[in-house]
Amino acid sequence: MSENILKSKSYSFAIEIVKTSEQLISHKKEFILSKQLVRSGTAIGALIREAEFAQSKADFINKMSISLKEANETLFWLNLLKDTNYITEESFISLSKICKEIISMLVASVKTSKANK
């Protein structure tokens, strides 16, 4: 069940990341950081989707662990964009809250999967 919540939450998050990137490009003319944000922010959900059809428990854990790394990287880019005034505090709070929720869910999923090996 939590996998479905994680799947839908990461997909919704990816949509918000794409919208944020579009704003960065159109309003701030910022191309490099926005590209990094989109790459890591959308990879989270893509890796969760890949994990659905993992070839083994180890493959599942690996995909989810990489997704966790991408989520952590996304949090880095969000912090950098906030601290350089490319995104507002409000936008940062909203996006980072969702990202931290996804991170917590991924940590729990990886820990549970490792414990049930």
PDB file of N, CA and C in Angstrom:
ATOM      1  N   MET A   1       0.816  -1.196   0.000  1.00  0.00           N
ATOM      2  CA  MET A   1       0.000   0.000   0.000  1.00  0.00           C
ATOM      3  C   MET A   1       0.857   1.256   0.000  1.00  0.00           C
ATOM      4  N   SER A   2       1.895   1.317   0.858  1.00  0.00           N
ATOM      5  CA  SER A   2       2.732   2.510   0.911  1.00  0.00           C
ATOM      6  C   SER A   2       3.473   2.742  -0.404  1.00  0.00           C
ATOM      7  N   GLU A   3       3.708   1.657  -1.152  1.00  0.00           N
ATOM      8  CA  GLU A   3       4.364   1.809  -2.455  1.00  0.00           C
ATOM      9  C   GLU A   3       3.484   2.650  -3.391  1.00  0.00           C
ATOM     10  N   ASN A   4       2.151   2.437  -3.326  1.00  0.00           N
ATOM     11  CA  ASN A   4       1.250   3.215  -4.167  1.00  0.00           C
ATOM     12  C   ASN A   4       1.230   4.676  -3.760  1.00  0.00           C
ATOM     13  N   ILE A   5       1.242   4.937  -2.461  1.00  0.00           N
ATOM     14  CA  ILE A   5       1.308   6.313  -1.969  1.00  0.00           C
ATOM     15  C   ILE A   5       2.624   6.945  -2.415  1.00  0.00           C
ATOM     16  N   LEU A   6       3.700   6.208  -2.272  1.00  0.00           N
ATOM     17  CA  LEU A   6       5.014   6.692  -2.671  1.00  0.00           C
ATOM     18  C   LEU A   6       5.058   6.968  -4.176  1.00  0.00           C
ATOM     19  N   LYS A   7       4.473   6.070  -4.940  1.00  0.00           N
ATOM     20  CA  LYS A   7       4.429   6.218  -6.397  1.00  0.00           C
ATOM     21  C   LYS A   7       3.655   7.482  -6.783  1.00  0.00           C
ATOM     22  N   SER A   8       2.477   7.677  -6.218  1.00  0.00           N
ATOM     23  CA  SER A   8       1.671   8.848  -6.579  1.00  0.00           C
ATOM     24  C   SER A   8       2.274  10.146  -6.047  1.00  0.00           C
ATOM     25  N   LYS A   9       2.830  10.103  -4.843  1.00  0.00           N
ATOM     26  CA  LYS A   9       3.443  11.307  -4.268  1.00  0.00           C
ATOM     27  C   LYS A   9       4.680  11.727  -5.075  1.00  0.00           C
ATOM     28  N   SER A  10       5.478  10.757  -5.491  1.00  0.00           N
ATOM     29  CA  SER A  10       6.686  11.088  -6.265  1.00  0.00           C
ATOM     30  C   SER A  10       6.320  11.604  -7.661  1.00  0.00           C
ATOM     31  N   TYR A  11       5.220  11.094  -8.222  1.00  0.00           N
ATOM     32  CA  TYR A  11       4.774  11.577  -9.532  1.00  0.00           C
ATOM     33  C   TYR A  11       4.265  13.010  -9.429  1.00  0.00           C
ATOM     34  N   SER A  12       3.454  13.286  -8.410  1.00  0.00           N
ATOM     35  CA  SER A  12       2.965  14.659  -8.189  1.00  0.00           C
ATOM     36  C   SER A  12       4.123  15.612  -7.930  1.00  0.00           C
ATOM     37  N   PHE A  13       5.106  15.136  -7.175  1.00  0.00           N
ATOM     38  CA  PHE A  13       6.286  15.947  -6.898  1.00  0.00           C
ATOM     39  C   PHE A  13       7.044  16.258  -8.189  1.00  0.00           C
ATOM     40  N   ALA A  14       7.179  15.269  -9.052  1.00  0.00           N
ATOM     41  CA  ALA A  14       7.868  15.478 -10.335  1.00  0.00           C
ATOM     42  C   ALA A  14       7.160  16.557 -11.157  1.00  0.00           C
ATOM     43  N   ILE A  15       5.840  16.554 -11.138  1.00  0.00           N
ATOM     44  CA  ILE A  15       5.077  17.578 -11.859  1.00  0.00           C
ATOM     45  C   ILE A  15       5.398  18.961 -11.296  1.00  0.00           C
ATOM     46  N   GLU A  16       5.431  19.079  -9.978  1.00  0.00           N
ATOM     47  CA  GLU A  16       5.751  20.372  -9.349  1.00  0.00           C
ATOM     48  C   GLU A  16       7.180  20.806  -9.658  1.00  0.00           C
ATOM     49  N   ILE A  17       8.081  19.860  -9.729  1.00  0.00           N
ATOM     50  CA  ILE A  17       9.472  20.162 -10.065  1.00  0.00           C
ATOM     51  C   ILE A  17       9.566  20.691 -11.500  1.00  0.00           C
ATOM     52  N   VAL A  18       8.857  20.066 -12.424  1.00  0.00           N
ATOM     53  CA  VAL A  18       8.858  20.520 -13.816  1.00  0.00           C
ATOM     54  C   VAL A  18       8.281  21.935 -13.901  1.00  0.00           C
ATOM     55  N   LYS A  19       7.190  22.193 -13.189  1.00  0.00           N
ATOM     56  CA  LYS A  19       6.591  23.534 -13.187  1.00  0.00           C
ATOM     57  C   LYS A  19       7.553  24.568 -12.602  1.00  0.00           C
ATOM     58  N   THR A  20       8.245  24.188 -11.538  1.00  0.00           N
ATOM     59  CA  THR A  20       9.224  25.094 -10.932  1.00  0.00           C
ATOM     60  C   THR A  20      10.356  25.392 -11.908  1.00  0.00           C
ATOM     61  N   SER A  21      10.809  24.377 -12.602  1.00  0.00           N
ATOM     62  CA  SER A  21      11.867  24.565 -13.598  1.00  0.00           C
ATOM     63  C   SER A  21      11.413  25.500 -14.710  1.00  0.00           C
ATOM     64  N   GLU A  22      10.181  25.318 -15.163  1.00  0.00           N
ATOM     65  CA  GLU A  22       9.645  26.198 -16.207  1.00  0.00           C
ATOM     66  C   GLU A  22       9.639  27.652 -15.736  1.00  0.00           C
ATOM     67  N   GLN A  23       9.274  27.858 -14.463  1.00  0.00           N
ATOM     68  CA  GLN A  23       9.277  29.200 -13.887  1.00  0.00           C
ATOM     69  C   GLN A  23      10.697  29.768 -13.830  1.00  0.00           C
ATOM     70  N   LEU A  24      11.640  28.943 -13.424  1.00  0.00           N
ATOM     71  CA  LEU A  24      13.036  29.384 -13.346  1.00  0.00           C
ATOM     72  C   LEU A  24      13.558  29.805 -14.714  1.00  0.00           C
ATOM     73  N   ILE A  25      13.196  29.045 -15.722  1.00  0.00           N
ATOM     74  CA  ILE A  25      13.666  29.344 -17.073  1.00  0.00           C
ATOM     75  C   ILE A  25      12.983  30.589 -17.631  1.00  0.00           C
ATOM     76  N   SER A  26      11.669  30.672 -17.491  1.00  0.00           N
ATOM     77  CA  SER A  26      10.940  31.781 -18.107  1.00  0.00           C
ATOM     78  C   SER A  26      11.076  33.104 -17.353  1.00  0.00           C
ATOM     79  N   HIS A  27      11.103  33.055 -16.024  1.00  0.00           N
ATOM     80  CA  HIS A  27      11.141  34.300 -15.260  1.00  0.00           C
ATOM     81  C   HIS A  27      12.539  34.714 -14.803  1.00  0.00           C
ATOM     82  N   LYS A  28      13.369  33.743 -14.490  1.00  0.00           N
ATOM     83  CA  LYS A  28      14.703  34.051 -13.957  1.00  0.00           C
ATOM     84  C   LYS A  28      15.818  33.820 -14.978  1.00  0.00           C
ATOM     85  N   LYS A  29      15.477  33.245 -16.115  1.00  0.00           N
ATOM     86  CA  LYS A  29      16.460  32.901 -17.158  1.00  0.00           C
ATOM     87  C   LYS A  29      17.587  32.034 -16.581  1.00  0.00           C
ATOM     88  N   GLU A  30      17.197  31.112 -15.716  1.00  0.00           N
ATOM     89  CA  GLU A  30      18.147  30.222 -15.063  1.00  0.00           C
ATOM     90  C   GLU A  30      18.006  28.840 -15.701  1.00  0.00           C
ATOM     91  N   PHE A  31      19.068  28.387 -16.349  1.00  0.00           N
ATOM     92  CA  PHE A  31      19.003  27.147 -17.122  1.00  0.00           C
ATOM     93  C   PHE A  31      19.769  25.984 -16.491  1.00  0.00           C
ATOM     94  N   ILE A  32      20.899  26.264 -15.864  1.00  0.00           N
ATOM     95  CA  ILE A  32      21.761  25.196 -15.359  1.00  0.00           C
ATOM     96  C   ILE A  32      21.168  24.531 -14.116  1.00  0.00           C
ATOM     97  N   LEU A  33      20.859  25.315 -13.094  1.00  0.00           N
ATOM     98  CA  LEU A  33      20.314  24.750 -11.857  1.00  0.00           C
ATOM     99  C   LEU A  33      18.942  24.129 -12.090  1.00  0.00           C
ATOM    100  N   SER A  34      18.153  24.756 -12.944  1.00  0.00           N
ATOM    101  CA  SER A  34      16.816  24.202 -13.219  1.00  0.00           C
ATOM    102  C   SER A  34      16.919  22.834 -13.893  1.00  0.00           C
ATOM    103  N   LYS A  35      17.912  22.668 -14.743  1.00  0.00           N
ATOM    104  CA  LYS A  35      18.111  21.376 -15.401  1.00  0.00           C
ATOM    105  C   LYS A  35      18.512  20.311 -14.378  1.00  0.00           C
ATOM    106  N   GLN A  36      19.370  20.671 -13.445  1.00  0.00           N
ATOM    107  CA  GLN A  36      19.790  19.750 -12.395  1.00  0.00           C
ATOM    108  C   GLN A  36      18.591  19.351 -11.525  1.00  0.00           C
ATOM    109  N   LEU A  37      17.760  20.353 -11.201  1.00  0.00           N
ATOM    110  CA  LEU A  37      16.582  20.115 -10.379  1.00  0.00           C
ATOM    111  C   LEU A  37      15.629  19.144 -11.079  1.00  0.00           C
ATOM    112  N   VAL A  38      15.385  19.363 -12.349  1.00  0.00           N
ATOM    113  CA  VAL A  38      14.486  18.477 -13.101  1.00  0.00           C
ATOM    114  C   VAL A  38      15.061  17.068 -13.191  1.00  0.00           C
ATOM    115  N   ARG A  39      16.348  16.967 -13.437  1.00  0.00           N
ATOM    116  CA  ARG A  39      16.976  15.653 -13.573  1.00  0.00           C
ATOM    117  C   ARG A  39      16.804  14.831 -12.291  1.00  0.00           C
ATOM    118  N   SER A  40      17.178  15.426 -11.158  1.00  0.00           N
ATOM    119  CA  SER A  40      17.099  14.663  -9.912  1.00  0.00           C
ATOM    120  C   SER A  40      15.659  14.538  -9.406  1.00  0.00           C
ATOM    121  N   GLY A  41      14.875  15.589  -9.549  1.00  0.00           N
ATOM    122  CA  GLY A  41      13.509  15.587  -9.032  1.00  0.00           C
ATOM    123  C   GLY A  41      12.569  14.640  -9.753  1.00  0.00           C
ATOM    124  N   THR A  42      12.806  14.421 -11.034  1.00  0.00           N
ATOM    125  CA  THR A  42      11.973  13.491 -11.784  1.00  0.00           C
ATOM    126  C   THR A  42      12.516  12.056 -11.718  1.00  0.00           C
ATOM    127  N   ALA A  43      13.801  11.926 -11.444  1.00  0.00           N
ATOM    128  CA  ALA A  43      14.406  10.590 -11.334  1.00  0.00           C
ATOM    129  C   ALA A  43      13.851   9.826 -10.140  1.00  0.00           C
ATOM    130  N   ILE A  44      13.435  10.542  -9.108  1.00  0.00           N
ATOM    131  CA  ILE A  44      12.903   9.896  -7.906  1.00  0.00           C
ATOM    132  C   ILE A  44      11.753   8.959  -8.288  1.00  0.00           C
ATOM    133  N   GLY A  45      10.758   9.508  -8.931  1.00  0.00           N
ATOM    134  CA  GLY A  45       9.587   8.722  -9.323  1.00  0.00           C
ATOM    135  C   GLY A  45       9.895   7.674 -10.375  1.00  0.00           C
ATOM    136  N   ALA A  46      10.783   8.025 -11.301  1.00  0.00           N
ATOM    137  CA  ALA A  46      11.141   7.066 -12.350  1.00  0.00           C
ATOM    138  C   ALA A  46      11.791   5.818 -11.748  1.00  0.00           C
ATOM    139  N   LEU A  47      12.639   6.010 -10.768  1.00  0.00           N
ATOM    140  CA  LEU A  47      13.295   4.873 -10.126  1.00  0.00           C
ATOM    141  C   LEU A  47      12.312   4.055  -9.278  1.00  0.00           C
ATOM    142  N   ILE A  48      11.364   4.735  -8.663  1.00  0.00           N
ATOM    143  CA  ILE A  48      10.331   4.018  -7.905  1.00  0.00           C
ATOM    144  C   ILE A  48       9.523   3.155  -8.857  1.00  0.00           C
ATOM    145  N   ARG A  49       9.211   3.697 -10.038  1.00  0.00           N
ATOM    146  CA  ARG A  49       8.488   2.916 -11.049  1.00  0.00           C
ATOM    147  C   ARG A  49       9.321   1.728 -11.522  1.00  0.00           C
ATOM    148  N   GLU A  50      10.622   1.947 -11.717  1.00  0.00           N
ATOM    149  CA  GLU A  50      11.501   0.843 -12.116  1.00  0.00           C
ATOM    150  C   GLU A  50      11.506  -0.255 -11.059  1.00  0.00           C
ATOM    151  N   ALA A  51      11.503   0.153  -9.794  1.00  0.00           N
ATOM    152  CA  ALA A  51      11.552  -0.812  -8.686  1.00  0.00           C
ATOM    153  C   ALA A  51      10.321  -1.710  -8.653  1.00  0.00           C
ATOM    154  N   GLU A  52       9.211  -1.230  -9.198  1.00  0.00           N
ATOM    155  CA  GLU A  52       7.983  -2.043  -9.239  1.00  0.00           C
ATOM    156  C   GLU A  52       8.217  -3.377  -9.943  1.00  0.00           C
ATOM    157  N   PHE A  53       9.050  -3.360 -10.946  1.00  0.00           N
ATOM    158  CA  PHE A  53       9.312  -4.569 -11.722  1.00  0.00           C
ATOM    159  C   PHE A  53      10.761  -5.034 -11.562  1.00  0.00           C
ATOM    160  N   ALA A  54      11.270  -4.864 -10.364  1.00  0.00           N
ATOM    161  CA  ALA A  54      12.637  -5.299 -10.076  1.00  0.00           C
ATOM    162  C   ALA A  54      12.764  -6.795 -10.302  1.00  0.00           C
ATOM    163  N   GLN A  55      13.945  -7.202 -10.708  1.00  0.00           N
ATOM    164  CA  GLN A  55      14.185  -8.617 -11.002  1.00  0.00           C
ATOM    165  C   GLN A  55      14.401  -9.451  -9.745  1.00  0.00           C
ATOM    166  N   SER A  56      14.722  -8.770  -8.659  1.00  0.00           N
ATOM    167  CA  SER A  56      14.963  -9.470  -7.400  1.00  0.00           C
ATOM    168  C   SER A  56      14.784  -8.485  -6.251  1.00  0.00           C
ATOM    169  N   LYS A  57      14.797  -8.995  -5.039  1.00  0.00           N
ATOM    170  CA  LYS A  57      14.717  -8.141  -3.848  1.00  0.00           C
ATOM    171  C   LYS A  57      15.915  -7.191  -3.822  1.00  0.00           C
ATOM    172  N   ALA A  58      17.092  -7.710  -4.174  1.00  0.00           N
ATOM    173  CA  ALA A  58      18.301  -6.868  -4.196  1.00  0.00           C
ATOM    174  C   ALA A  58      18.169  -5.753  -5.233  1.00  0.00           C
ATOM    175  N   ASP A  59      17.603  -6.059  -6.379  1.00  0.00           N
ATOM    176  CA  ASP A  59      17.380  -5.054  -7.426  1.00  0.00           C
ATOM    177  C   ASP A  59      16.393  -3.989  -6.940  1.00  0.00           C
ATOM    178  N   PHE A  60      15.332  -4.438  -6.253  1.00  0.00           N
ATOM    179  CA  PHE A  60      14.352  -3.512  -5.687  1.00  0.00           C
ATOM    180  C   PHE A  60      15.020  -2.561  -4.694  1.00  0.00           C
ATOM    181  N   ILE A  61      15.796  -3.116  -3.784  1.00  0.00           N
ATOM    182  CA  ILE A  61      16.488  -2.305  -2.781  1.00  0.00           C
ATOM    183  C   ILE A  61      17.439  -1.323  -3.458  1.00  0.00           C
ATOM    184  N   ASN A  62      18.136  -1.781  -4.474  1.00  0.00           N
ATOM    185  CA  ASN A  62      19.061  -0.917  -5.199  1.00  0.00           C
ATOM    186  C   ASN A  62      18.342   0.260  -5.857  1.00  0.00           C
ATOM    187  N   LYS A  63      17.240  -0.012  -6.548  1.00  0.00           N
ATOM    188  CA  LYS A  63      16.483   1.054  -7.223  1.00  0.00           C
ATOM    189  C   LYS A  63      15.925   2.059  -6.220  1.00  0.00           C
ATOM    190  N   MET A  64      15.379   1.543  -5.127  1.00  0.00           N
ATOM    191  CA  MET A  64      14.817   2.424  -4.102  1.00  0.00           C
ATOM    192  C   MET A  64      15.920   3.238  -3.420  1.00  0.00           C
ATOM    193  N   SER A  65      17.082   2.644  -3.241  1.00  0.00           N
ATOM    194  CA  SER A  65      18.213   3.355  -2.647  1.00  0.00           C
ATOM    195  C   SER A  65      18.714   4.470  -3.560  1.00  0.00           C
ATOM    196  N   ILE A  66      18.746   4.211  -4.844  1.00  0.00           N
ATOM    197  CA  ILE A  66      19.151   5.247  -5.799  1.00  0.00           C
ATOM    198  C   ILE A  66      18.105   6.354  -5.820  1.00  0.00           C
ATOM    199  N   SER A  67      16.837   5.992  -5.737  1.00  0.00           N
ATOM    200  CA  SER A  67      15.769   6.990  -5.664  1.00  0.00           C
ATOM    201  C   SER A  67      15.957   7.869  -4.430  1.00  0.00           C
ATOM    202  N   LEU A  68      16.337   7.263  -3.330  1.00  0.00           N
ATOM    203  CA  LEU A  68      16.609   8.002  -2.096  1.00  0.00           C
ATOM    204  C   LEU A  68      17.761   8.991  -2.295  1.00  0.00           C
ATOM    205  N   LYS A  69      18.801   8.562  -2.983  1.00  0.00           N
ATOM    206  CA  LYS A  69      19.925   9.457  -3.277  1.00  0.00           C
ATOM    207  C   LYS A  69      19.475  10.631  -4.146  1.00  0.00           C
ATOM    208  N   GLU A  70      18.632  10.351  -5.129  1.00  0.00           N
ATOM    209  CA  GLU A  70      18.120  11.416  -6.000  1.00  0.00           C
ATOM    210  C   GLU A  70      17.259  12.407  -5.215  1.00  0.00           C
ATOM    211  N   ALA A  71      16.474  11.899  -4.272  1.00  0.00           N
ATOM    212  CA  ALA A  71      15.638  12.768  -3.436  1.00  0.00           C
ATOM    213  C   ALA A  71      16.514  13.669  -2.577  1.00  0.00           C
ATOM    214  N   ASN A  72      17.574  13.105  -2.026  1.00  0.00           N
ATOM    215  CA  ASN A  72      18.499  13.898  -1.220  1.00  0.00           C
ATOM    216  C   ASN A  72      19.186  14.963  -2.076  1.00  0.00           C
ATOM    217  N   GLU A  73      19.562  14.603  -3.298  1.00  0.00           N
ATOM    218  CA  GLU A  73      20.174  15.572  -4.210  1.00  0.00           C
ATOM    219  C   GLU A  73      19.177  16.682  -4.560  1.00  0.00           C
ATOM    220  N   THR A  74      17.933  16.313  -4.771  1.00  0.00           N
ATOM    221  CA  THR A  74      16.896  17.304  -5.077  1.00  0.00           C
ATOM    222  C   THR A  74      16.757  18.299  -3.940  1.00  0.00           C
ATOM    223  N   LEU A  75      16.823  17.813  -2.725  1.00  0.00           N
ATOM    224  CA  LEU A  75      16.763  18.692  -1.557  1.00  0.00           C
ATOM    225  C   LEU A  75      17.938  19.670  -1.561  1.00  0.00           C
ATOM    226  N   PHE A  76      19.101  19.201  -1.969  1.00  0.00           N
ATOM    227  CA  PHE A  76      20.270  20.081  -2.099  1.00  0.00           C
ATOM    228  C   PHE A  76      19.992  21.208  -3.094  1.00  0.00           C
ATOM    229  N   TRP A  77      19.474  20.863  -4.281  1.00  0.00           N
ATOM    230  CA  TRP A  77      19.200  21.876  -5.305  1.00  0.00           C
ATOM    231  C   TRP A  77      18.137  22.857  -4.837  1.00  0.00           C
ATOM    232  N   LEU A  78      17.133  22.365  -4.141  1.00  0.00           N
ATOM    233  CA  LEU A  78      16.092  23.258  -3.613  1.00  0.00           C
ATOM    234  C   LEU A  78      16.682  24.244  -2.603  1.00  0.00           C
ATOM    235  N   ASN A  79      17.541  23.758  -1.719  1.00  0.00           N
ATOM    236  CA  ASN A  79      18.199  24.644  -0.759  1.00  0.00           C
ATOM    237  C   ASN A  79      19.056  25.681  -1.463  1.00  0.00           C
ATOM    238  N   LEU A  80      19.799  25.246  -2.459  1.00  0.00           N
ATOM    239  CA  LEU A  80      20.659  26.173  -3.207  1.00  0.00           C
ATOM    240  C   LEU A  80      19.831  27.229  -3.933  1.00  0.00           C
ATOM    241  N   LEU A  81      18.747  26.803  -4.556  1.00  0.00           N
ATOM    242  CA  LEU A  81      17.883  27.755  -5.263  1.00  0.00           C
ATOM    243  C   LEU A  81      17.250  28.760  -4.299  1.00  0.00           C
ATOM    244  N   LYS A  82      16.891  28.310  -3.122  1.00  0.00           N
ATOM    245  CA  LYS A  82      16.336  29.223  -2.111  1.00  0.00           C
ATOM    246  C   LYS A  82      17.404  30.204  -1.632  1.00  0.00           C
ATOM    247  N   ASP A  83      18.578  29.687  -1.313  1.00  0.00           N
ATOM    248  CA  ASP A  83      19.645  30.529  -0.760  1.00  0.00           C
ATOM    249  C   ASP A  83      20.240  31.506  -1.768  1.00  0.00           C
ATOM    250  N   THR A  84      20.000  31.261  -3.054  1.00  0.00           N
ATOM    251  CA  THR A  84      20.454  32.185  -4.096  1.00  0.00           C
ATOM    252  C   THR A  84      19.300  33.010  -4.654  1.00  0.00           C
ATOM    253  N   ASN A  85      18.167  32.937  -3.963  1.00  0.00           N
ATOM    254  CA  ASN A  85      16.971  33.727  -4.298  1.00  0.00           C
ATOM    255  C   ASN A  85      16.379  33.431  -5.674  1.00  0.00           C
ATOM    256  N   TYR A  86      16.548  32.214  -6.144  1.00  0.00           N
ATOM    257  CA  TYR A  86      15.907  31.820  -7.401  1.00  0.00           C
ATOM    258  C   TYR A  86      14.475  31.337  -7.171  1.00  0.00           C
ATOM    259  N   ILE A  87      14.228  30.775  -5.974  1.00  0.00           N
ATOM    260  CA  ILE A  87      12.857  30.413  -5.623  1.00  0.00           C
ATOM    261  C   ILE A  87      12.505  31.098  -4.300  1.00  0.00           C
ATOM    262  N   THR A  88      11.241  31.318  -4.109  1.00  0.00           N
ATOM    263  CA  THR A  88      10.784  31.987  -2.887  1.00  0.00           C
ATOM    264  C   THR A  88      10.845  31.028  -1.698  1.00  0.00           C
ATOM    265  N   GLU A  89      10.829  31.616  -0.529  1.00  0.00           N
ATOM    266  CA  GLU A  89      10.794  30.828   0.702  1.00  0.00           C
ATOM    267  C   GLU A  89       9.546  29.942   0.721  1.00  0.00           C
ATOM    268  N   GLU A  90       8.443  30.492   0.264  1.00  0.00           N
ATOM    269  CA  GLU A  90       7.176  29.755   0.221  1.00  0.00           C
ATOM    270  C   GLU A  90       7.277  28.530  -0.691  1.00  0.00           C
ATOM    271  N   SER A  91       7.834  28.729  -1.856  1.00  0.00           N
ATOM    272  CA  SER A  91       8.007  27.620  -2.800  1.00  0.00           C
ATOM    273  C   SER A  91       8.960  26.576  -2.219  1.00  0.00           C
ATOM    274  N   PHE A  92      10.040  27.049  -1.614  1.00  0.00           N
ATOM    275  CA  PHE A  92      11.003  26.135  -0.997  1.00  0.00           C
ATOM    276  C   PHE A  92      10.346  25.293   0.087  1.00  0.00           C
ATOM    277  N   ILE A  93       9.597  25.939   0.961  1.00  0.00           N
ATOM    278  CA  ILE A  93       8.955  25.221   2.075  1.00  0.00           C
ATOM    279  C   ILE A  93       8.021  24.144   1.545  1.00  0.00           C
ATOM    280  N   SER A  94       7.226  24.501   0.556  1.00  0.00           N
ATOM    281  CA  SER A  94       6.277  23.555  -0.020  1.00  0.00           C
ATOM    282  C   SER A  94       6.985  22.358  -0.659  1.00  0.00           C
ATOM    283  N   LEU A  95       7.962  22.628  -1.525  1.00  0.00           N
ATOM    284  CA  LEU A  95       8.657  21.557  -2.237  1.00  0.00           C
ATOM    285  C   LEU A  95       9.528  20.721  -1.313  1.00  0.00           C
ATOM    286  N   SER A  96      10.227  21.371  -0.392  1.00  0.00           N
ATOM    287  CA  SER A  96      11.110  20.614   0.496  1.00  0.00           C
ATOM    288  C   SER A  96      10.309  19.740   1.459  1.00  0.00           C
ATOM    289  N   LYS A  97       9.126  20.191   1.861  1.00  0.00           N
ATOM    290  CA  LYS A  97       8.267  19.384   2.735  1.00  0.00           C
ATOM    291  C   LYS A  97       7.890  18.080   2.037  1.00  0.00           C
ATOM    292  N   ILE A  98       7.466  18.186   0.793  1.00  0.00           N
ATOM    293  CA  ILE A  98       7.094  16.985   0.026  1.00  0.00           C
ATOM    294  C   ILE A  98       8.308  16.084  -0.175  1.00  0.00           C
ATOM    295  N   CYS A  99       9.437  16.706  -0.523  1.00  0.00           N
ATOM    296  CA  CYS A  99      10.659  15.937  -0.757  1.00  0.00           C
ATOM    297  C   CYS A  99      11.086  15.189   0.512  1.00  0.00           C
ATOM    298  N   LYS A 100      10.992  15.844   1.655  1.00  0.00           N
ATOM    299  CA  LYS A 100      11.348  15.191   2.921  1.00  0.00           C
ATOM    300  C   LYS A 100      10.385  14.052   3.251  1.00  0.00           C
ATOM    301  N   GLU A 101       9.116  14.219   2.910  1.00  0.00           N
ATOM    302  CA  GLU A 101       8.146  13.130   3.115  1.00  0.00           C
ATOM    303  C   GLU A 101       8.518  11.928   2.253  1.00  0.00           C
ATOM    304  N   ILE A 102       8.886  12.201   1.008  1.00  0.00           N
ATOM    305  CA  ILE A 102       9.299  11.119   0.096  1.00  0.00           C
ATOM    306  C   ILE A 102      10.555  10.440   0.629  1.00  0.00           C
ATOM    307  N   ILE A 103      11.504  11.222   1.111  1.00  0.00           N
ATOM    308  CA  ILE A 103      12.732  10.665   1.680  1.00  0.00           C
ATOM    309  C   ILE A 103      12.392   9.736   2.846  1.00  0.00           C
ATOM    310  N   SER A 104      11.517  10.181   3.734  1.00  0.00           N
ATOM    311  CA  SER A 104      11.128   9.352   4.883  1.00  0.00           C
ATOM    312  C   SER A 104      10.490   8.045   4.434  1.00  0.00           C
ATOM    313  N   MET A 105       9.639   8.131   3.433  1.00  0.00           N
ATOM    314  CA  MET A 105       8.976   6.929   2.921  1.00  0.00           C
ATOM    315  C   MET A 105       9.978   5.983   2.255  1.00  0.00           C
ATOM    316  N   LEU A 106      10.924   6.545   1.530  1.00  0.00           N
ATOM    317  CA  LEU A 106      11.948   5.724   0.879  1.00  0.00           C
ATOM    318  C   LEU A 106      12.849   5.043   1.910  1.00  0.00           C
ATOM    319  N   VAL A 107      13.242   5.783   2.937  1.00  0.00           N
ATOM    320  CA  VAL A 107      14.068   5.204   4.004  1.00  0.00           C
ATOM    321  C   VAL A 107      13.334   4.026   4.638  1.00  0.00           C
ATOM    322  N   ALA A 108      12.057   4.219   4.956  1.00  0.00           N
ATOM    323  CA  ALA A 108      11.261   3.151   5.566  1.00  0.00           C
ATOM    324  C   ALA A 108      11.153   1.943   4.638  1.00  0.00           C
ATOM    325  N   SER A 109      10.941   2.196   3.358  1.00  0.00           N
ATOM    326  CA  SER A 109      10.808   1.109   2.392  1.00  0.00           C
ATOM    327  C   SER A 109      12.105   0.316   2.262  1.00  0.00           C
ATOM    328  N   VAL A 110      13.217   1.019   2.186  1.00  0.00           N
ATOM    329  CA  VAL A 110      14.516   0.350   2.062  1.00  0.00           C
ATOM    330  C   VAL A 110      14.817  -0.450   3.332  1.00  0.00           C
ATOM    331  N   LYS A 111      14.579   0.147   4.498  1.00  0.00           N
ATOM    332  CA  LYS A 111      14.832  -0.563   5.765  1.00  0.00           C
ATOM    333  C   LYS A 111      13.966  -1.814   5.881  1.00  0.00           C
ATOM    334  N   THR A 112      12.693  -1.678   5.546  1.00  0.00           N
ATOM    335  CA  THR A 112      11.784  -2.827   5.620  1.00  0.00           C
ATOM    336  C   THR A 112      12.219  -3.923   4.646  1.00  0.00           C
ATOM    337  N   SER A 113      12.582  -3.523   3.456  1.00  0.00           N
ATOM    338  CA  SER A 113      13.015  -4.504   2.444  1.00  0.00           C
ATOM    339  C   SER A 113      14.285  -5.221   2.869  1.00  0.00           C
ATOM    340  N   LYS A 114      15.208  -4.483   3.466  1.00  0.00           N
ATOM    341  CA  LYS A 114      16.451  -5.108   3.934  1.00  0.00           C
ATOM    342  C   LYS A 114      16.185  -6.065   5.101  1.00  0.00           C
ATOM    343  N   ALA A 115      15.255  -5.696   5.960  1.00  0.00           N
ATOM    344  CA  ALA A 115      14.940  -6.532   7.121  1.00  0.00           C
ATOM    345  C   ALA A 115      14.231  -7.819   6.704  1.00  0.00           C
ATOM    346  N   ASN A 116      13.507  -7.766   5.591  1.00  0.00           N
ATOM    347  CA  ASN A 116      12.753  -8.946   5.115  1.00  0.00           C
ATOM    348  C   ASN A 116      13.506  -9.731   4.054  1.00  0.00           C
ATOM    349  N   LYS A 117      14.785  -9.539   3.942  1.00  0.00           N
ATOM    350  CA  LYS A 117      15.582 -10.229   2.920  1.00  0.00           C
ATOM    351  C   LYS A 117      15.567 -11.714   3.100  1.00  0.00           C
TER     352      LYS A 117
END
